[in-house]
């Protein structure tokens, strides 16, 4: 298991464009959910791109220490 900053750096080394923080990606996911609930207006390509915050969270989930993941 690793710390939040270590995991962010590891995923950046694996190809993510930056060493994201968990809070940033959770906030991005929450914002996307809000947009979808109001009615998503972009095309499928934008939707796929917008899902990257969720995909990052999925990858980071098993790498984080238990105290970071509720």
Protein backbone atom coordinates (compact mmCIF):
# COMPACT_ATOMS: atom_id res chain seq x y z
CA UNK A 1 0.00 0.00 0.00
CA UNK A 2 1.09 3.57 -0.64
CA UNK A 3 0.30 7.12 0.35
CA UNK A 4 -1.86 9.41 -1.74
CA UNK A 5 1.08 11.36 -3.18
CA UNK A 6 3.00 8.15 -3.97
CA UNK A 7 0.00 6.72 -5.80
CA UNK A 8 -0.51 9.94 -7.75
CA UNK A 9 3.11 9.84 -8.88
CA UNK A 10 2.94 6.12 -9.70
CA UNK A 11 -0.10 6.59 -11.91
CA UNK A 12 1.58 9.53 -13.63
CA UNK A 13 4.52 7.23 -14.40
CA UNK A 14 1.99 4.76 -15.83
CA UNK A 15 0.72 7.35 -18.29
CA UNK A 16 -1.70 9.69 -16.53
CA UNK A 17 -0.99 13.29 -17.52
CA UNK A 18 -0.37 14.50 -13.96
CA UNK A 19 -0.01 13.24 -10.40
CA UNK A 20 -3.61 13.87 -9.38
CA UNK A 21 -4.77 14.07 -5.77
CA UNK A 22 -7.65 11.90 -4.61
CA UNK A 23 -9.72 14.92 -3.54
CA UNK A 24 -9.33 16.50 -6.98
CA UNK A 25 -10.55 13.38 -8.76
CA UNK A 26 -13.42 12.85 -6.29
CA UNK A 27 -14.50 16.46 -6.85
CA UNK A 28 -14.27 16.01 -10.64
CA UNK A 29 -16.39 12.85 -10.39
CA UNK A 30 -18.98 14.60 -8.21
CA UNK A 31 -19.15 17.48 -10.68
CA UNK A 32 -19.64 15.09 -13.60
CA UNK A 33 -22.42 13.27 -11.76
CA UNK A 34 -24.13 16.62 -11.18
CA UNK A 35 -23.90 17.47 -14.87
CA UNK A 36 -25.31 14.08 -15.85
CA UNK A 37 -28.18 14.45 -13.38
CA UNK A 38 -29.12 17.78 -14.95
CA UNK A 39 -28.86 16.33 -18.47
CA UNK A 40 -25.57 15.69 -20.20
CA UNK A 41 -25.37 17.70 -23.41
CA UNK A 42 -22.03 16.73 -24.94
CA UNK A 43 -21.33 13.91 -27.39
CA UNK A 44 -20.03 10.41 -26.65
CA UNK A 45 -16.40 11.43 -27.19
CA UNK A 46 -16.64 14.14 -24.54
CA UNK A 47 -18.44 11.75 -22.20
CA UNK A 48 -15.69 9.17 -22.58
CA UNK A 49 -13.12 11.86 -21.87
CA UNK A 50 -15.08 13.10 -18.85
CA UNK A 51 -15.06 9.60 -17.35
CA UNK A 52 -11.30 9.75 -16.85
CA UNK A 53 -11.80 11.00 -13.29
CA UNK A 54 -13.74 7.83 -12.49
CA UNK A 55 -11.18 5.65 -14.26
CA UNK A 56 -8.35 7.20 -12.23
CA UNK A 57 -10.26 6.57 -8.99
CA UNK A 58 -10.80 2.96 -10.04
CA UNK A 59 -7.06 2.46 -10.59
CA UNK A 60 -6.02 4.19 -7.38
CA UNK A 61 -8.51 2.37 -5.12
CA UNK A 62 -6.45 -0.78 -4.53
CA UNK A 63 -3.16 1.08 -4.24
CA UNK A 64 -4.08 3.41 -1.37
CA UNK A 65 -3.58 2.83 2.32
CA UNK A 66 -6.74 1.96 4.23
CA UNK A 67 -6.84 5.29 6.11
CA UNK A 68 -7.31 7.14 2.79
CA UNK A 69 -10.03 4.84 1.46
CA UNK A 70 -13.16 4.85 3.67
